[in-house]
Protein backbone atom coordinates (compact mmCIF):
# COMPACT_ATOMS: atom_id res chain seq x y z
CA MET A 1 0.00 0.00 0.00
CA SER A 2 1.54 3.31 -1.08
CA GLY A 3 2.14 6.19 1.30
CA ARG A 4 -0.41 8.34 -0.52
CA VAL A 5 -3.14 5.74 -0.02
CA VAL A 6 -2.31 5.49 3.68
CA VAL A 7 -2.63 9.26 4.07
CA LEU A 8 -5.98 9.21 2.26
CA LEU A 9 -7.19 6.45 4.58
CA TYR A 10 -6.18 8.51 7.64
CA VAL A 11 -7.99 11.58 6.29
CA ALA A 12 -11.10 9.58 5.40
CA ARG A 13 -11.15 7.85 8.78
CA PHE A 14 -10.76 11.15 10.64
CA THR A 15 -13.48 12.85 8.58
CA SER A 16 -15.93 9.98 8.98
CA GLY A 17 -15.15 9.81 12.70
CA VAL A 18 -16.00 13.49 13.20
CA ALA A 19 -19.17 13.14 11.13
CA VAL A 20 -20.34 9.99 12.89
CA GLY A 21 -19.60 11.49 16.31
CA ALA A 22 -21.73 14.53 15.53
CA VAL A 23 -24.55 12.56 13.92
CA THR A 24 -24.90 10.05 16.75
CA VAL A 25 -25.40 12.81 19.32
CA VAL A 26 -27.98 14.60 17.16
CA ILE A 27 -29.82 11.37 16.36
CA SER A 28 -30.14 10.41 20.03
CA LEU A 29 -31.55 13.86 20.83
CA TYR A 30 -33.93 13.80 17.87
CA ASN A 31 -35.19 10.31 18.70
CA CYS A 32 -35.95 11.25 22.30
CA GLU A 33 -37.65 14.50 21.29
CA VAL A 34 -40.00 12.95 18.72
CA ALA A 35 -40.78 9.72 20.59
CA GLU A 36 -43.88 9.33 22.73
CA ASP A 37 -43.24 8.95 26.47
CA ARG A 38 -44.35 5.32 26.61
CA VAL A 39 -41.80 4.19 24.00
CA ARG A 40 -39.00 6.70 24.51
CA GLY A 41 -36.59 4.12 25.91
CA THR A 42 -37.29 1.67 23.11
CA VAL A 43 -36.88 4.30 20.40
CA GLY A 44 -33.71 5.60 22.06
CA ALA A 45 -32.19 2.12 21.94
CA TYR A 46 -32.75 1.91 18.18
CA LEU A 47 -29.67 4.08 17.56
CA GLN A 48 -27.39 1.41 19.00
CA LEU A 49 -29.45 -1.27 17.25
CA MET A 50 -28.78 0.32 13.87
CA ILE A 51 -25.10 0.70 14.76
CA THR A 52 -24.92 -3.05 15.35
CA VAL A 53 -26.75 -3.71 12.09
CA GLY A 54 -24.11 -1.59 10.35
CA ILE A 55 -21.32 -3.56 12.01
CA LEU A 56 -22.91 -6.84 10.90
CA TRP A 57 -23.31 -5.40 7.39
CA ALA A 58 -19.56 -4.66 7.30
CA TYR A 59 -18.66 -8.10 8.69
CA VAL A 60 -20.74 -9.91 6.06
CA LEU A 61 -19.59 -7.78 3.12
CA GLY A 62 -16.01 -7.86 4.35
CA ALA A 63 -16.00 -11.64 4.12
CA PHE A 64 -16.66 -11.46 0.36
CA LEU A 65 -15.42 -8.05 -0.86
CA ASP A 66 -12.03 -6.39 -0.89
CA TYR A 67 -11.42 -3.04 0.81
CA TYR A 68 -12.20 -0.97 -2.29
CA TRP A 69 -15.59 -2.55 -3.00
CA LEU A 70 -16.51 -2.64 0.68
CA SER A 71 -16.00 1.12 0.92
CA LEU A 72 -17.88 1.75 -2.32
CA VAL A 73 -20.91 -0.35 -1.34
CA SER A 74 -20.99 1.22 2.13
CA CYS A 75 -21.42 4.66 0.51
CA VAL A 76 -24.94 3.66 -0.53
CA VAL A 77 -26.32 3.77 3.03
CA PRO A 78 -25.48 7.42 3.91
CA ILE A 79 -26.70 8.53 0.47
CA ILE A 80 -30.08 6.86 1.08
CA PHE A 81 -30.22 8.38 4.57
CA PHE A 82 -29.51 11.87 3.25
CA LEU A 83 -32.15 11.69 0.52
CA SER A 84 -34.85 10.22 2.76
CA PHE A 85 -34.23 12.60 5.67
CA LEU A 86 -34.88 15.60 3.43
CA PHE A 87 -38.58 14.79 3.87
CA VAL A 88 -38.50 14.38 7.67
CA PRO A 89 -39.70 17.38 9.73
CA GLU A 90 -37.75 19.17 12.43
CA SER A 91 -38.27 18.16 16.06
CA PRO A 92 -41.48 19.73 17.51
CA LEU A 93 -39.65 20.58 20.73
CA PHE A 94 -36.97 22.45 18.79
CA LEU A 95 -39.59 24.37 16.80
CA ILE A 96 -41.55 25.39 19.91
CA ALA A 97 -38.33 26.57 21.55
CA ARG A 98 -37.79 28.82 18.52
CA GLY A 99 -41.34 30.21 18.72
CA ARG A 100 -42.51 28.39 15.59
CA ASP A 101 -45.67 26.86 17.06
CA GLU A 102 -47.46 26.36 13.74
CA ASP A 103 -44.50 24.48 12.30
CA ALA A 104 -44.29 22.44 15.50
CA GLU A 105 -47.96 21.47 15.21
CA ARG A 106 -47.46 20.40 11.58
CA SER A 107 -44.43 18.39 12.61
CA LEU A 108 -46.39 16.62 15.36
CA LYS A 109 -49.22 15.82 12.97
CA TRP A 110 -46.71 14.36 10.51
CA LEU A 111 -45.22 12.23 13.29
CA ARG A 112 -48.42 11.19 15.08
CA GLY A 113 -50.80 10.82 12.16
CA ASP A 114 -54.54 11.36 12.62
CA HIS A 115 -54.47 12.26 16.31
CA ASP A 116 -55.26 15.36 18.31
CA VAL A 117 -51.82 16.85 18.98
CA ARG A 118 -52.99 19.83 21.06
CA PRO A 119 -52.49 18.09 24.44
CA GLU A 120 -48.95 17.14 23.47
CA MET A 121 -48.28 20.69 22.23
CA ASP A 122 -49.39 22.02 25.63
CA ARG A 123 -47.18 19.51 27.43
CA LEU A 124 -44.14 20.49 25.35
CA ARG A 125 -44.77 24.18 26.08
CA GLN A 126 -44.96 23.43 29.81
CA LEU A 127 -41.76 21.42 29.59
CA LEU A 128 -39.91 24.29 27.94
CA SER A 129 -41.41 26.79 30.37
CA ARG A 130 -40.21 24.82 33.40
CA SER A 131 -36.78 24.39 31.85
CA SER A 132 -36.34 28.07 30.98
CA SER A 133 -37.64 29.29 34.35
CA GLY A 134 -35.04 27.35 36.31
CA THR A 135 -32.01 29.39 37.28
CA VAL A 136 -30.22 27.10 39.71
CA GLY A 137 -27.43 25.10 38.19
CA LYS A 138 -27.15 26.93 34.88
CA THR A 139 -23.58 27.98 35.58
CA SER A 140 -22.73 25.87 38.64
CA TRP A 141 -21.33 22.36 38.37
CA ARG A 142 -23.06 21.64 41.68
CA GLY A 143 -26.49 22.45 40.26
CA PRO A 144 -28.78 20.00 38.44
CA THR A 145 -27.42 20.87 35.00
CA GLY A 146 -23.83 20.44 36.15
CA ARG A 147 -24.51 17.05 37.69
CA ALA A 148 -26.32 15.93 34.53
CA VAL A 149 -23.39 17.00 32.36
CA VAL A 150 -20.91 15.15 34.59
CA ILE A 151 -23.05 12.00 34.46
CA THR A 152 -23.40 12.09 30.67
CA ILE A 153 -19.69 12.71 30.15
CA GLY A 154 -18.94 9.82 32.50
CA LEU A 155 -21.35 7.50 30.71
CA MET A 156 -19.90 8.22 27.29
CA ALA A 157 -16.30 8.09 28.54
CA PHE A 158 -16.76 4.72 30.23
CA GLN A 159 -18.62 3.41 27.18
CA GLN A 160 -15.64 4.18 24.95
CA LEU A 161 -13.10 3.02 27.55
CA SER A 162 -14.89 -0.31 27.99
CA GLY A 163 -12.83 -1.76 25.14
CA ILE A 164 -15.77 -2.33 22.82
CA ASN A 165 -14.20 -0.68 19.78
CA ALA A 166 -10.97 -2.65 20.19
CA VAL A 167 -12.92 -5.91 20.46
CA ILE A 168 -15.06 -5.12 17.40
CA PHE A 169 -12.23 -3.81 15.22
CA TYR A 170 -9.86 -6.66 16.08
CA SER A 171 -12.35 -9.49 16.58
CA GLU A 172 -11.06 -11.34 13.51
CA ARG A 173 -7.48 -11.02 14.78
CA ILE A 174 -8.57 -12.25 18.22
CA PHE A 175 -10.04 -15.40 16.71
CA GLU A 176 -6.98 -15.93 14.50
CA ASP A 177 -4.64 -15.73 17.49
CA ALA A 178 -6.90 -17.96 19.56
CA GLY A 179 -6.68 -20.74 16.97
CA SER A 180 -10.43 -21.25 16.90
CA THR A 181 -11.75 -24.15 14.82
CA LEU A 182 -14.16 -21.72 13.13
CA SER A 183 -12.85 -19.40 10.44
CA PRO A 184 -12.20 -15.83 11.69
CA SER A 185 -14.67 -14.38 9.17
CA LEU A 186 -17.45 -16.73 10.29
CA SER A 187 -16.67 -16.03 13.94
CA THR A 188 -16.99 -12.27 13.44
CA ILE A 189 -20.29 -12.73 11.60
CA ILE A 190 -21.58 -14.79 14.54
CA VAL A 191 -20.53 -12.01 16.89
CA GLY A 192 -22.31 -9.46 14.69
CA VAL A 193 -25.56 -11.46 14.65
CA VAL A 194 -25.47 -11.92 18.42
CA GLN A 195 -24.85 -8.20 18.88
CA VAL A 196 -27.89 -7.28 16.79
CA LEU A 197 -30.15 -9.73 18.65
CA ALA A 198 -28.92 -8.60 22.08
CA THR A 199 -29.39 -4.93 21.24
CA TYR A 200 -32.93 -5.63 20.06
CA ALA A 201 -33.60 -7.41 23.36
CA SER A 202 -32.33 -4.32 25.17
CA SER A 203 -34.79 -2.12 23.27
CA VAL A 204 -37.59 -4.32 24.64
CA LEU A 205 -36.26 -4.53 28.21
CA VAL A 206 -35.13 -0.96 28.80
CA ASP A 207 -38.55 0.47 29.68
CA ARG A 208 -39.38 -2.52 31.89
CA THR A 209 -36.24 -3.06 33.96
CA GLY A 210 -34.94 0.49 34.14
CA ARG A 211 -31.64 2.00 33.05
CA ARG A 212 -29.57 1.61 36.22
CA VAL A 213 -30.02 -2.16 36.57
CA LEU A 214 -29.01 -2.81 32.97
CA LEU A 215 -25.96 -0.55 33.25
CA LEU A 216 -24.71 -2.23 36.44
CA LEU A 217 -25.31 -5.72 35.05
CA SER A 218 -23.62 -4.83 31.77
CA ASP A 219 -20.58 -3.25 33.41
CA THR A 220 -19.92 -6.12 35.83
CA ALA A 221 -20.32 -8.92 33.30
CA MET A 222 -18.18 -7.13 30.68
CA ALA A 223 -15.33 -6.85 33.18
CA VAL A 224 -15.54 -10.59 33.91
CA CYS A 225 -15.49 -11.47 30.19
CA LEU A 226 -12.43 -9.32 29.52
CA LEU A 227 -10.69 -10.85 32.54
CA VAL A 228 -11.38 -14.37 31.24
CA LEU A 229 -10.12 -13.42 27.77
CA SER A 230 -6.95 -11.88 29.22
CA VAL A 231 -6.20 -14.93 31.38
CA TYR A 232 -6.72 -17.23 28.38
CA PHE A 233 -4.19 -15.40 26.21
CA PHE A 234 -1.78 -15.03 29.16
CA ILE A 235 -1.74 -18.80 29.69
CA ARG A 236 -1.72 -19.56 25.96
CA GLU A 237 1.38 -17.43 25.42
CA ARG A 238 3.33 -19.36 28.07
CA HIS A 239 1.73 -22.81 28.10
CA PRO A 240 -0.30 -23.29 24.89
CA ASP A 241 -0.94 -26.97 25.66
CA HIS A 242 -2.80 -26.03 28.84
CA VAL A 243 -5.57 -24.23 26.95
CA ALA A 244 -5.71 -26.25 23.74
CA PHE A 245 -8.88 -28.02 24.92
CA ILE A 246 -10.73 -24.71 25.40
CA ALA A 247 -10.01 -23.04 22.06
CA TRP A 248 -13.70 -22.09 22.01
CA LEU A 249 -13.28 -19.84 25.08
CA PRO A 250 -12.27 -16.62 23.23
CA LEU A 251 -15.33 -16.84 20.98
CA ALA A 252 -17.59 -17.50 23.97
CA SER A 253 -16.03 -14.65 25.97
CA VAL A 254 -16.34 -12.18 23.10
CA VAL A 255 -19.93 -13.22 22.39
CA VAL A 256 -21.00 -12.83 26.03
CA TYR A 257 -19.07 -9.56 26.26
CA ILE A 258 -20.87 -8.24 23.17
CA VAL A 259 -24.25 -9.40 24.50
CA LEU A 260 -23.80 -7.61 27.82
CA PHE A 261 -22.50 -4.47 26.14
CA SER A 262 -25.47 -4.51 23.79
CA VAL A 263 -28.06 -4.68 26.58
CA GLY A 264 -26.48 -1.97 28.71
CA PHE A 265 -23.46 0.17 27.96
CA GLY A 266 -24.16 0.15 24.23
CA PRO A 267 -27.62 1.69 23.84
CA LEU A 268 -28.33 3.31 27.21
CA PRO A 269 -25.86 6.26 27.31
CA TRP A 270 -27.07 7.62 23.96
CA PHE A 271 -30.63 8.39 24.99
CA MET A 272 -29.87 8.97 28.69
CA ILE A 273 -28.10 12.13 27.52
CA ALA A 274 -31.39 13.49 26.22
CA GLU A 275 -33.30 12.26 29.28
CA ILE A 276 -31.23 13.69 32.12
CA VAL A 277 -29.89 16.93 30.64
CA PRO A 278 -32.45 19.76 31.00
CA THR A 279 -34.06 20.87 27.74
């Protein structure tokens, strides 16, 4: 690979990283603002669900396409998103906050269909009124806004520091080094399928079990899985014969790790940002 191609890859990766980082925050806010109260948690979890679908998409295509064609085919998805989202209205809450009540009502009617949206319009106005009337904590880190910001920063920081990106990006290498009887490509596809299913399960459970329980369960189990994986490779490096009979352990550890991430630390931080930070 020439030096010029490497530089282009770095630039493309940086640009896409900035774009994806911005879009994911906006999407989580938009989802929570347009969702009805009874399904807000479920809708909020769909962001992470679609992320896992995208990862599975890349795993499957990557098993059959080279890097050039994989990148080219992947361009189709953002193009479709851009064209379709041109017809989606702005968030009603955003429009009311800007004093555009008529546009907000049209947006709600587009989102809710043939329903009376006046009660929801009144509720959104009251929500904004309570938010704007509060003065405590606007500039103090000890106030409610400050605490909410600290919590959201902590959630996102620990999500990224959990090791999930390293596991996903290097899952094929992990299975190669582990000497699994399954091919690395097939193993990563299995991980991708499990991740999608677990994230979907989270979208169903989140409004029933609560956020805190899922986060604590996810965090604890993920730590155990990474510990097991680390011990396996530590022993394998020094005494490979001692772990030859459990070559399946890395795949099992990664799968369980992905499952627990997908039901907790994966989807929950995204929409908790919109839930706990004042409007």
